[in-house]
Amino acid sequence: MHDLIVGHAGVNNESSLAFVLSSLVWIVLRHVSENQLSKLNAVIELDLQQQINVNLDAQQHALARRYSSFFWQQVYLKHIPSIAQYVSQYTSQKYISVLFPIFVISIIFPINWFVALILLITLPIVPIFMILVGHGAANLHRKHFISLERLGGLFVDRLKALTLLTTFDQHEVESKRLAKASDLVNRQTMRVVSLAFLSSTVLDFFATISMALVAVYIGFSLLGELSIGPDITFHNGLYLLLVTPLLFAELKTLGRLYHQKSEAEAAVEAMLPVIKSNPKFSLINASDSKRWGAKPMTFNDTRWHSFAISVPSIKAESLDLNGQDSVLLTGRSGAGKSVLLDALMGLRQATHQLPGTVVLISQKPTILPSSVRENLSMGQDIPDSQLWLMLEQVQLSKKIKSLPLGIDTLMGENPILSGGEAQRLNLARALLQPSDVILLDEPTAHLTEQQHDTLALLIHQLTQNKTRIWASHKPLPSSWFNRRWLIENGEIFQGDTLC
């Protein structure tokens, strides 16, 4: 440009060829960079998904039921990509944003130390304001994630209860509630977007001010109005004007990616409980094995077994359990009854778990969208006669026979079963499994008193020959149990025989 404007020379072929070649190299490197970035994102996302899947496989229902279905959608569709983008883009951009300005200033300093000084003075202002804005952005992202999850959970709950809403004519009331929640989320979304625009605007403003100071200095120096620093020629002035924006280019990219940091921090906070490792624990530890000998403990033994258990939220110095014991587990709501049952089954981190095959019957029965047969057999090869016998025992055979395809009727996403019928199907499935112990986590919690009495009696009759631990808030006859465990203030107390 200096030769064309000042020297009135023609276009240099060698320079033109070098320019074309360097442009092609830049395009190739950019393509390779984008390709590697895409691969790295895929690797990180796959790794996070595998970690969550391993924990889901280990903890199963104990982990899945702690969170809403919308939360799990957010994990796979929002949180995992946010973390992957942060790791693959933002973390590397941080180093580039620090090293590249040093590189640019080291090039500018030998040409004109005064321009380098101007840039050194104005440069720190940009990251300072980015940090100030970023703290507010992280807090807003966290609140936004929580609001989205609550809105999604509210919407899913209303969809599940559509029949009930129709019965009681509550469509208008719930529509207003959803609209109000949606407006709240919309306002929070706009706050997040506004803050993102503010971050970019602040960065662009100070970058523009810095470049304007350099441009004014070069312009007045060329006109002879300023004589500060080294003499500036047209060649040097144009070169400085073209190089100066590169000082802020990577910082601008960092500012554009800064929202990824806020999203990733909120995503990590939400995902941390479901991504922590959950190691397996056996019933006897090293110290216990000396006391009990090498023979593993089973509930077919006639002697009592004592063991201590510790879960993150509850503990017990010792608990006694024997084959065919019937234990009533009590405690106020939220004391940790479900946590203890999950731990004994091996679905939560704890010092001990029950031996043998254990089956858990929870408050909300899980009905698969497959056929009744598959819901009962769970992949086992069980004869139809045995399935029908079990359905007869749980007083569900008439209902299944009335279905269009009988035992081969698909349950679908919305099974045509009442709450009590679904729990009976859940009970039949549990009894068909070759289990030593049955854990009952308030299986009648969401049923009416009449349904509770009927189903509780049925469970008692069909599980008398098994070791069972039954957690319940609703009254149960004391004659059904020979032991009682009480959870209070994070500790399990063992009671004497009840009957």
Protein backbone atom coordinates (compact mmCIF):
# COMPACT_ATOMS: atom_id res chain seq x y z
CA MET A 1 0.00 0.00 0.00
CA HIS A 2 2.92 2.34 0.73
CA ASP A 3 4.45 1.63 -2.70
CA LEU A 4 1.10 2.17 -4.46
CA ILE A 5 0.16 5.42 -2.70
CA VAL A 6 3.46 7.07 -1.84
CA GLY A 7 5.89 5.51 -4.33
CA HIS A 8 3.38 5.37 -7.24
CA ALA A 9 4.80 1.91 -8.06
CA GLY A 10 2.94 -0.96 -9.69
CA VAL A 11 1.66 -4.11 -8.00
CA ASN A 12 4.44 -6.44 -6.88
CA ASN A 13 3.76 -9.94 -8.24
CA GLU A 14 5.79 -11.63 -5.52
CA SER A 15 3.86 -9.81 -2.81
CA SER A 16 0.56 -10.67 -4.48
CA LEU A 17 1.52 -14.35 -4.68
CA ALA A 18 2.60 -14.36 -1.04
CA PHE A 19 -0.72 -12.74 -0.09
CA VAL A 20 -2.75 -15.39 -1.99
CA LEU A 21 -0.72 -18.27 -0.52
CA SER A 22 -1.00 -16.95 3.03
CA SER A 23 -4.77 -16.52 2.57
CA LEU A 24 -5.10 -20.14 1.39
CA VAL A 25 -3.02 -21.37 4.33
CA TRP A 26 -5.25 -19.37 6.69
CA ILE A 27 -8.40 -20.94 5.17
CA VAL A 28 -6.96 -24.47 5.50
CA LEU A 29 -5.87 -23.91 9.09
CA ARG A 30 -9.26 -22.44 9.94
CA HIS A 31 -11.00 -25.49 8.49
CA VAL A 32 -8.70 -27.86 10.41
CA SER A 33 -9.30 -25.87 13.59
CA GLU A 34 -13.10 -26.06 13.26
CA ASN A 35 -12.90 -29.78 12.48
CA GLN A 36 -10.73 -30.52 15.53
CA LEU A 37 -12.98 -28.37 17.70
CA SER A 38 -16.04 -30.34 16.59
CA LYS A 39 -14.28 -33.64 17.35
CA LEU A 40 -13.18 -32.41 20.77
CA ASN A 41 -16.74 -31.32 21.60
CA ALA A 42 -18.03 -34.77 20.64
CA VAL A 43 -15.42 -36.53 22.81
CA ILE A 44 -16.21 -34.38 25.87
CA GLU A 45 -19.97 -34.78 25.48
CA LEU A 46 -19.62 -38.55 25.07
CA ASP A 47 -17.43 -38.76 28.16
CA LEU A 48 -19.93 -36.79 30.27
CA GLN A 49 -22.82 -38.88 28.99
CA GLN A 50 -20.97 -42.10 29.83
CA GLN A 51 -20.27 -40.89 33.37
CA ILE A 52 -23.94 -40.09 33.90
CA ASN A 53 -25.05 -43.38 32.31
CA VAL A 54 -22.71 -45.33 34.60
CA ASN A 55 -24.22 -43.64 37.66
CA LEU A 56 -27.74 -44.15 36.32
CA ASP A 57 -26.97 -47.82 35.80
CA ALA A 58 -25.53 -48.09 39.32
CA GLN A 59 -28.18 -46.10 41.19
CA GLN A 60 -31.08 -46.64 38.78
CA HIS A 61 -34.42 -45.51 40.19
CA ALA A 62 -32.80 -44.05 43.31
CA LEU A 63 -31.04 -41.46 41.16
CA ALA A 64 -33.63 -40.93 38.43
CA ARG A 65 -36.53 -40.21 40.77
CA ARG A 66 -34.69 -37.42 42.62
CA TYR A 67 -35.12 -35.10 39.64
CA SER A 68 -37.90 -34.24 37.22
CA SER A 69 -37.98 -35.54 33.65
CA PHE A 70 -37.37 -31.97 32.45
CA PHE A 71 -34.16 -31.87 34.52
CA TRP A 72 -32.82 -34.90 32.65
CA GLN A 73 -33.77 -33.27 29.33
CA GLN A 74 -31.81 -30.18 30.38
CA VAL A 75 -28.82 -32.33 31.37
CA TYR A 76 -28.52 -34.02 27.98
CA LEU A 77 -29.68 -31.16 25.74
CA LYS A 78 -28.32 -28.10 27.58
CA HIS A 79 -25.87 -28.78 30.41
CA ILE A 80 -23.59 -31.30 28.69
CA PRO A 81 -23.14 -29.18 25.51
CA SER A 82 -22.51 -26.08 27.70
CA ILE A 83 -19.71 -27.82 29.60
CA ALA A 84 -18.22 -29.27 26.39
CA GLN A 85 -18.14 -25.85 24.71
CA TYR A 86 -16.56 -24.29 27.78
CA VAL A 87 -13.79 -26.91 27.92
CA SER A 88 -13.11 -26.97 24.18
CA GLN A 89 -13.41 -23.25 23.39
CA TYR A 90 -13.28 -20.98 26.43
CA THR A 91 -10.40 -22.67 28.28
CA SER A 92 -8.07 -22.46 25.27
CA GLN A 93 -9.27 -18.96 24.38
CA LYS A 94 -8.23 -17.73 27.86
CA TYR A 95 -4.58 -18.56 27.12
CA ILE A 96 -4.76 -17.13 23.61
CA SER A 97 -6.25 -13.89 24.96
CA VAL A 98 -3.31 -13.49 27.33
CA LEU A 99 -0.49 -14.53 24.98
CA PHE A 100 -1.66 -12.85 21.79
CA PRO A 101 -1.70 -9.24 23.13
CA ILE A 102 1.83 -9.77 24.48
CA PHE A 103 2.87 -10.99 21.02
CA VAL A 104 1.25 -7.98 19.29
CA ILE A 105 2.76 -5.43 21.70
CA SER A 106 6.19 -7.04 21.27
CA ILE A 107 5.82 -6.37 17.51
CA ILE A 108 4.56 -2.80 17.97
CA PHE A 109 7.11 -1.74 20.60
CA PRO A 110 10.21 -1.68 18.29
CA ILE A 111 8.28 0.36 15.70
CA ASN A 112 6.73 2.92 18.06
CA TRP A 113 7.06 2.66 21.81
CA PHE A 114 4.45 5.39 22.43
CA VAL A 115 1.69 3.46 20.65
CA ALA A 116 2.68 0.36 22.65
CA LEU A 117 2.42 2.44 25.84
CA ILE A 118 -1.09 3.67 24.91
CA LEU A 119 -2.20 0.09 24.33
CA LEU A 120 -0.63 -1.16 27.58
CA ILE A 121 -2.52 1.51 29.56
CA THR A 122 -5.92 0.86 27.96
CA LEU A 123 -5.66 -2.94 27.65
CA PRO A 124 -6.29 -3.93 31.34
CA ILE A 125 -9.59 -2.02 31.41
CA VAL A 126 -11.22 -4.59 29.08
CA PRO A 127 -10.74 -7.75 31.22
CA ILE A 128 -11.62 -5.85 34.41
CA PHE A 129 -15.06 -4.94 33.07
CA MET A 130 -15.47 -8.44 31.63
CA ILE A 131 -14.94 -9.92 35.12
CA LEU A 132 -17.39 -7.47 36.72
CA VAL A 133 -20.07 -8.26 34.16
CA GLY A 134 -19.26 -11.98 34.27
CA HIS A 135 -20.04 -12.36 37.98
CA GLY A 136 -23.54 -11.04 37.41
CA ALA A 137 -23.96 -13.24 34.33
CA ALA A 138 -23.10 -16.45 36.24
CA ASN A 139 -25.70 -15.67 38.90
CA LEU A 140 -28.35 -14.90 36.27
CA HIS A 141 -27.59 -18.12 34.35
CA ARG A 142 -27.96 -20.13 37.55
CA LYS A 143 -31.36 -18.60 38.29
CA HIS A 144 -32.38 -19.03 34.67
CA PHE A 145 -31.59 -22.76 34.71
CA ILE A 146 -33.62 -23.22 37.91
CA SER A 147 -36.57 -21.30 36.45
CA LEU A 148 -36.48 -23.32 33.22
CA GLU A 149 -36.41 -26.59 35.15
CA ARG A 150 -39.33 -25.55 37.35
CA LEU A 151 -41.36 -24.37 34.37
CA GLY A 152 -40.64 -27.61 32.49
CA GLY A 153 -41.54 -29.69 35.54
CA LEU A 154 -44.76 -27.72 36.01
CA PHE A 155 -45.74 -28.25 32.37
CA VAL A 156 -44.94 -32.01 32.47
CA ASP A 157 -46.92 -32.46 35.72
CA ARG A 158 -49.96 -30.77 34.15
CA LEU A 159 -49.71 -33.01 31.09
CA LYS A 160 -49.63 -36.09 33.31
CA ALA A 161 -52.65 -34.83 35.24
CA LEU A 162 -54.65 -33.88 32.13
CA THR A 163 -57.46 -36.32 32.92
CA LEU A 164 -57.75 -34.98 36.46
CA LEU A 165 -57.79 -31.38 35.23
CA THR A 166 -60.57 -32.25 32.79
CA THR A 167 -62.58 -33.97 35.51
CA PHE A 168 -62.46 -30.95 37.83
CA ASP A 169 -62.63 -28.33 35.04
CA GLN A 170 -59.34 -26.68 36.02
CA HIS A 171 -58.03 -25.91 32.52
CA GLU A 172 -58.41 -22.15 32.82
CA VAL A 173 -56.84 -21.98 36.29
CA GLU A 174 -53.82 -24.04 35.29
CA SER A 175 -53.45 -22.15 31.99
CA LYS A 176 -53.17 -18.88 33.93
CA ARG A 177 -50.63 -20.45 36.27
CA LEU A 178 -48.53 -21.69 33.35
CA ALA A 179 -48.79 -18.31 31.61
CA LYS A 180 -47.62 -16.52 34.76
CA ALA A 181 -44.66 -18.91 35.16
CA SER A 182 -43.82 -18.56 31.47
CA ASP A 183 -43.80 -14.74 31.71
CA LEU A 184 -41.41 -14.95 34.67
CA VAL A 185 -39.02 -17.18 32.70
CA ASN A 186 -39.28 -14.86 29.67
CA ARG A 187 -38.26 -11.87 31.80
CA GLN A 188 -35.29 -13.78 33.21
CA THR A 189 -34.31 -14.86 29.70
CA MET A 190 -34.30 -11.24 28.56
CA ARG A 191 -32.11 -10.31 31.55
CA VAL A 192 -29.58 -12.95 30.50
CA VAL A 193 -29.67 -11.72 26.88
CA SER A 194 -29.37 -8.08 27.97
CA LEU A 195 -26.35 -8.86 30.11
CA ALA A 196 -24.72 -10.74 27.21
CA PHE A 197 -25.22 -7.67 24.99
CA LEU A 198 -23.86 -5.44 27.77
CA SER A 199 -20.70 -7.57 28.02
CA SER A 200 -20.07 -7.33 24.27
CA THR A 201 -20.88 -3.61 24.22
CA VAL A 202 -18.49 -2.79 27.07
CA LEU A 203 -15.68 -4.73 25.38
CA ASP A 204 -16.31 -3.10 21.98
CA PHE A 205 -16.50 0.35 23.57
CA PHE A 206 -13.11 0.21 25.26
CA ALA A 207 -11.50 -1.51 22.28
CA THR A 208 -12.83 1.25 20.02
CA ILE A 209 -11.57 3.97 22.40
CA SER A 210 -8.08 2.42 22.41
CA MET A 211 -7.92 2.15 18.62
CA ALA A 212 -9.29 5.67 18.25
CA LEU A 213 -6.50 7.05 20.47
CA VAL A 214 -3.91 5.27 18.32
CA ALA A 215 -5.56 6.50 15.09
CA VAL A 216 -5.69 10.12 16.36
CA TYR A 217 -2.05 9.97 17.45
CA ILE A 218 -0.92 8.56 14.07
CA GLY A 219 -3.03 11.03 12.11
CA PHE A 220 -1.79 14.12 13.96
CA SER A 221 1.79 12.81 13.82
CA LEU A 222 1.59 12.43 10.03
CA LEU A 223 0.19 15.96 9.79
CA GLY A 224 3.09 17.26 11.89
CA GLU A 225 0.85 18.44 14.75
CA LEU A 226 2.39 16.00 17.28
CA SER A 227 6.01 15.19 17.90
CA ILE A 228 5.73 12.68 20.75
CA GLY A 229 7.66 9.46 20.32
CA PRO A 230 9.47 8.24 17.19
CA ASP A 231 8.79 9.76 13.77
CA ILE A 232 5.95 8.07 11.91
CA THR A 233 5.90 7.45 8.17
CA PHE A 234 2.86 6.49 6.15
CA HIS A 235 4.22 2.91 6.03
CA ASN A 236 4.60 2.69 9.82
CA GLY A 237 1.30 4.44 10.53
CA LEU A 238 -0.71 2.14 8.23
CA TYR A 239 1.04 -0.93 9.66
CA LEU A 240 0.23 0.15 13.24
CA LEU A 241 -3.39 0.84 12.36
CA LEU A 242 -3.73 -2.64 10.82
CA VAL A 243 -1.98 -4.46 13.69
CA THR A 244 -3.62 -2.62 16.63
CA PRO A 245 -7.09 -4.26 16.17
CA LEU A 246 -5.38 -7.68 16.47
CA LEU A 247 -4.54 -6.77 20.08
CA PHE A 248 -8.26 -6.80 20.93
CA ALA A 249 -9.40 -9.45 18.44
CA GLU A 250 -8.80 -12.42 20.77
CA LEU A 251 -10.16 -10.49 23.74
CA LYS A 252 -13.34 -9.85 21.75
CA THR A 253 -13.57 -13.56 21.00
CA LEU A 254 -13.13 -14.27 24.72
CA GLY A 255 -15.87 -11.77 25.50
CA ARG A 256 -18.16 -13.46 22.97
CA LEU A 257 -17.44 -16.81 24.65
CA TYR A 258 -17.64 -15.44 28.20
CA HIS A 259 -21.29 -16.41 28.53
CA GLN A 260 -20.16 -20.03 28.03
CA LYS A 261 -18.27 -19.80 31.32
CA SER A 262 -21.41 -18.62 33.12
CA GLU A 263 -23.53 -21.34 31.53
CA ALA A 264 -20.93 -24.01 32.30
CA GLU A 265 -20.65 -22.97 35.95
CA ALA A 266 -24.42 -23.21 36.36
CA ALA A 267 -24.47 -26.51 34.46
CA VAL A 268 -21.73 -28.04 36.62
CA GLU A 269 -23.54 -26.98 39.78
CA ALA A 270 -26.74 -28.65 38.53
CA MET A 271 -24.99 -31.82 37.28
CA LEU A 272 -22.56 -32.37 40.14
CA PRO A 273 -24.92 -34.55 42.24
CA VAL A 274 -25.61 -36.90 39.29
CA ILE A 275 -22.06 -37.16 37.96
CA LYS A 276 -20.22 -38.05 41.18
CA SER A 277 -18.92 -41.59 41.32
CA ASN A 278 -20.94 -44.09 43.35
CA PRO A 279 -18.73 -47.05 44.31
CA LYS A 280 -20.19 -50.46 45.14
CA PHE A 281 -20.11 -51.61 48.75
CA SER A 282 -20.41 -55.12 50.18
CA LEU A 283 -22.25 -56.11 53.33
CA ILE A 284 -19.16 -57.08 55.31
CA ASN A 285 -16.02 -55.01 55.44
CA ALA A 286 -12.54 -56.20 56.45
CA SER A 287 -13.11 -55.89 60.19
CA ASP A 288 -16.49 -57.65 60.03
CA SER A 289 -15.12 -60.58 58.01
CA LYS A 290 -12.92 -61.69 60.92
CA ARG A 291 -15.90 -61.75 63.24
CA TRP A 292 -18.21 -63.61 60.89
CA GLY A 293 -15.60 -65.78 59.11
CA ALA A 294 -15.12 -66.30 55.38
CA LYS A 295 -18.64 -67.61 54.79
CA PRO A 296 -20.83 -64.89 53.25
CA MET A 297 -23.94 -64.00 55.20
CA THR A 298 -27.30 -64.91 53.69
CA PHE A 299 -30.80 -64.53 54.99
CA ASN A 300 -31.33 -68.29 54.91
CA ASP A 301 -29.16 -68.60 58.06
CA THR A 302 -30.97 -69.06 61.33
CA ARG A 303 -28.74 -66.80 63.42
CA TRP A 304 -29.07 -63.04 63.77
CA HIS A 305 -26.76 -60.75 61.83
CA SER A 306 -25.52 -57.40 63.09
CA PHE A 307 -24.01 -54.71 60.93
CA ALA A 308 -23.38 -50.96 61.12
CA ILE A 309 -24.45 -48.68 58.31
CA SER A 310 -23.55 -45.13 57.38
CA VAL A 311 -25.15 -43.12 54.57
CA PRO A 312 -24.24 -39.46 53.86
CA SER A 313 -27.39 -38.26 55.69
CA ILE A 314 -28.10 -41.09 58.22
CA LYS A 315 -26.18 -43.65 60.26
CA ALA A 316 -26.64 -46.51 62.71
CA GLU A 317 -24.12 -48.11 65.06
CA SER A 318 -25.70 -51.55 64.64
CA LEU A 319 -28.74 -53.13 63.02
CA ASP A 320 -30.00 -56.69 63.50
CA LEU A 321 -31.68 -58.61 60.70
CA ASN A 322 -32.49 -62.28 60.19
CA GLY A 323 -34.13 -64.43 57.54
CA GLN A 324 -37.90 -63.80 57.19
CA ASP A 325 -37.75 -60.81 59.53
CA SER A 326 -40.48 -58.24 59.05
CA VAL A 327 -39.23 -54.75 59.92
CA LEU A 328 -41.42 -51.65 60.22
CA LEU A 329 -39.39 -48.56 59.26
CA THR A 330 -40.82 -45.33 60.67
CA GLY A 331 -39.82 -41.68 60.91
CA ARG A 332 -41.13 -38.27 60.02
CA SER A 333 -41.39 -37.17 56.41
CA GLY A 334 -37.92 -36.38 55.02
CA ALA A 335 -36.11 -38.23 57.82
CA GLY A 336 -34.40 -40.53 55.33
CA LYS A 337 -36.47 -43.70 55.03
CA SER A 338 -36.16 -43.79 51.24
CA VAL A 339 -32.44 -42.98 51.50
CA LEU A 340 -31.89 -45.94 53.83
CA LEU A 341 -33.80 -48.35 51.59
CA ASP A 342 -31.86 -47.18 48.55
CA ALA A 343 -28.59 -47.63 50.47
CA LEU A 344 -29.49 -51.14 51.66
CA MET A 345 -30.29 -52.05 48.07
CA GLY A 346 -26.94 -50.68 46.90
CA LEU A 347 -28.35 -47.74 44.95
CA ARG A 348 -26.72 -45.07 47.13
CA GLN A 349 -23.26 -44.65 48.59
CA ALA A 350 -23.14 -46.38 51.98
CA THR A 351 -20.84 -48.54 54.09
CA HIS A 352 -23.05 -51.64 53.77
CA GLN A 353 -25.77 -53.15 51.64
CA LEU A 354 -28.00 -56.20 51.94
CA PRO A 355 -26.76 -59.50 50.51
CA GLY A 356 -28.55 -61.64 47.96
CA THR A 357 -31.21 -60.44 45.55
CA VAL A 358 -33.17 -57.42 46.76
CA VAL A 359 -36.34 -55.96 45.21
CA LEU A 360 -37.64 -52.46 45.91
CA ILE A 361 -41.31 -51.48 45.63
CA SER A 362 -41.48 -47.67 45.64
CA GLN A 363 -44.24 -45.09 46.13
CA LYS A 364 -44.72 -44.49 42.41
CA PRO A 365 -44.81 -47.70 40.38
CA THR A 366 -42.80 -47.68 37.17
CA ILE A 367 -44.84 -48.99 34.25
CA LEU A 368 -42.87 -49.58 31.04
CA PRO A 369 -44.52 -48.61 27.73
CA SER A 370 -44.19 -52.25 26.58
CA SER A 371 -46.76 -55.03 27.05
CA VAL A 372 -48.12 -56.32 30.35
CA ARG A 373 -46.18 -59.54 29.79
CA GLU A 374 -42.87 -57.66 29.46
CA ASN A 375 -43.70 -55.49 32.47
CA LEU A 376 -44.11 -58.64 34.54
CA SER A 377 -41.31 -60.83 33.21
CA MET A 378 -38.63 -58.13 32.85
CA GLY A 379 -36.75 -60.18 30.28
CA GLN A 380 -37.20 -63.53 32.02
CA ASP A 381 -38.73 -66.56 30.35
CA ILE A 382 -41.82 -67.02 32.54
CA PRO A 383 -44.73 -69.26 31.40
CA ASP A 384 -48.10 -67.60 30.81
CA SER A 385 -49.69 -69.84 33.41
CA GLN A 386 -47.36 -68.47 36.09
CA LEU A 387 -48.01 -64.87 34.97
CA TRP A 388 -51.78 -65.34 35.13
CA LEU A 389 -51.49 -67.05 38.53
CA MET A 390 -49.57 -64.08 39.88
CA LEU A 391 -52.09 -61.63 38.38
CA GLU A 392 -54.82 -63.65 40.10
CA GLN A 393 -52.97 -63.44 43.41
CA VAL A 394 -52.68 -59.64 43.19
CA GLN A 395 -56.36 -59.43 42.15
CA LEU A 396 -55.55 -57.95 38.73
CA SER A 397 -56.47 -60.80 36.36
CA LYS A 398 -59.98 -59.47 35.59
CA LYS A 399 -58.62 -56.06 34.65
CA ILE A 400 -55.92 -57.53 32.35
CA LYS A 401 -58.42 -59.90 30.70
CA SER A 402 -60.67 -56.93 29.89
CA LEU A 403 -57.86 -55.23 27.94
CA PRO A 404 -57.98 -55.48 24.09
CA LEU A 405 -55.04 -57.90 23.78
CA GLY A 406 -55.04 -59.19 27.32
CA ILE A 407 -51.55 -59.83 28.64
CA ASP A 408 -50.03 -58.63 25.34
CA THR A 409 -51.67 -55.19 25.55
CA LEU A 410 -49.16 -52.36 25.30
CA MET A 411 -49.17 -49.98 28.27
CA GLY A 412 -47.85 -46.99 26.25
CA GLU A 413 -46.89 -43.65 27.75
CA ASN A 414 -50.18 -43.34 29.66
CA PRO A 415 -51.15 -46.80 31.02
CA ILE A 416 -54.89 -47.44 31.38
CA LEU A 417 -54.48 -48.42 35.01
CA SER A 418 -55.49 -46.65 38.20
CA GLY A 419 -52.96 -45.92 40.91
CA GLY A 420 -53.92 -49.00 42.89
CA GLU A 421 -53.89 -51.21 39.78
CA ALA A 422 -50.45 -49.93 38.75
CA GLN A 423 -49.11 -50.71 42.22
CA ARG A 424 -50.62 -54.22 42.04
CA LEU A 425 -48.83 -54.77 38.72
CA ASN A 426 -45.65 -53.50 40.37
CA LEU A 427 -46.17 -55.94 43.25
CA ALA A 428 -46.74 -58.86 40.85
CA ARG A 429 -43.52 -57.99 39.02
CA ALA A 430 -41.57 -57.87 42.30
CA LEU A 431 -42.94 -61.25 43.45
CA LEU A 432 -42.01 -62.86 40.14
CA GLN A 433 -38.36 -61.92 40.70
CA PRO A 434 -36.25 -64.50 42.58
CA SER A 435 -35.58 -62.21 45.55
CA ASP A 436 -34.43 -62.85 49.13
CA VAL A 437 -35.47 -59.46 50.48
CA ILE A 438 -38.30 -57.06 49.63
CA LEU A 439 -38.01 -53.37 50.48
CA LEU A 440 -41.28 -51.44 50.54
CA ASP A 441 -40.98 -47.66 50.29
CA GLU A 442 -44.49 -46.49 51.20
CA PRO A 443 -46.16 -48.42 48.34
CA THR A 444 -49.62 -47.13 49.35
CA ALA A 445 -48.64 -43.47 49.93
CA HIS A 446 -50.68 -42.09 47.01
CA LEU A 447 -53.75 -44.30 47.41
CA THR A 448 -57.01 -43.72 49.24
CA GLU A 449 -57.52 -45.21 52.72
CA GLN A 450 -59.65 -48.03 51.32
CA GLN A 451 -57.09 -48.82 48.60
CA HIS A 452 -54.33 -48.64 51.23
CA ASP A 453 -56.05 -51.15 53.50
CA THR A 454 -56.76 -53.57 50.64
CA LEU A 455 -53.32 -53.39 49.00
CA ALA A 456 -51.41 -53.42 52.31
CA LEU A 457 -53.20 -56.61 53.37
CA LEU A 458 -52.46 -58.16 49.98
CA ILE A 459 -48.74 -57.26 50.23
CA HIS A 460 -48.60 -58.70 53.74
CA GLN A 461 -50.19 -61.98 52.66
CA LEU A 462 -47.98 -62.46 49.62
CA THR A 463 -44.63 -61.49 51.23
CA GLN A 464 -44.84 -63.26 54.60
CA ASN A 465 -42.25 -65.85 53.55
CA LYS A 466 -39.65 -63.20 52.63
CA THR A 467 -37.43 -60.85 54.61
CA ARG A 468 -39.03 -57.43 54.28
CA ILE A 469 -38.42 -53.88 55.45
CA TRP A 470 -41.55 -51.77 55.15
CA ALA A 471 -41.47 -47.96 55.37
CA SER A 472 -44.88 -46.39 55.87
CA HIS A 473 -46.53 -43.25 57.21
CA LYS A 474 -49.97 -44.85 57.14
CA PRO A 475 -50.98 -47.17 60.00
CA LEU A 476 -50.17 -50.87 59.67
CA PRO A 477 -51.07 -53.66 62.14
CA SER A 478 -48.22 -54.23 64.61
CA SER A 479 -48.81 -58.00 64.41
CA TRP A 480 -47.36 -57.98 60.89
CA PHE A 481 -43.90 -57.04 62.17
CA ASN A 482 -41.42 -58.49 64.63
CA ARG A 483 -38.96 -55.58 64.54
CA ARG A 484 -39.05 -51.80 64.29
CA TRP A 485 -36.48 -49.27 63.05
CA LEU A 486 -36.97 -45.57 63.76
CA ILE A 487 -35.09 -42.80 61.92
CA GLU A 488 -34.73 -39.63 63.95
CA ASN A 489 -32.24 -36.74 63.67
CA GLY A 490 -30.17 -38.63 61.10
CA GLU A 491 -29.78 -41.77 63.25
CA ILE A 492 -31.48 -45.18 63.09
CA PHE A 493 -32.76 -46.59 66.37
CA GLN A 494 -33.60 -50.27 66.63
CA GLY A 495 -36.72 -51.22 68.60
CA ASP A 496 -37.69 -54.45 70.32
CA THR A 497 -40.13 -57.04 69.01
CA LEU A 498 -43.52 -55.51 68.29
CA CYS A 499 -45.83 -58.50 68.33
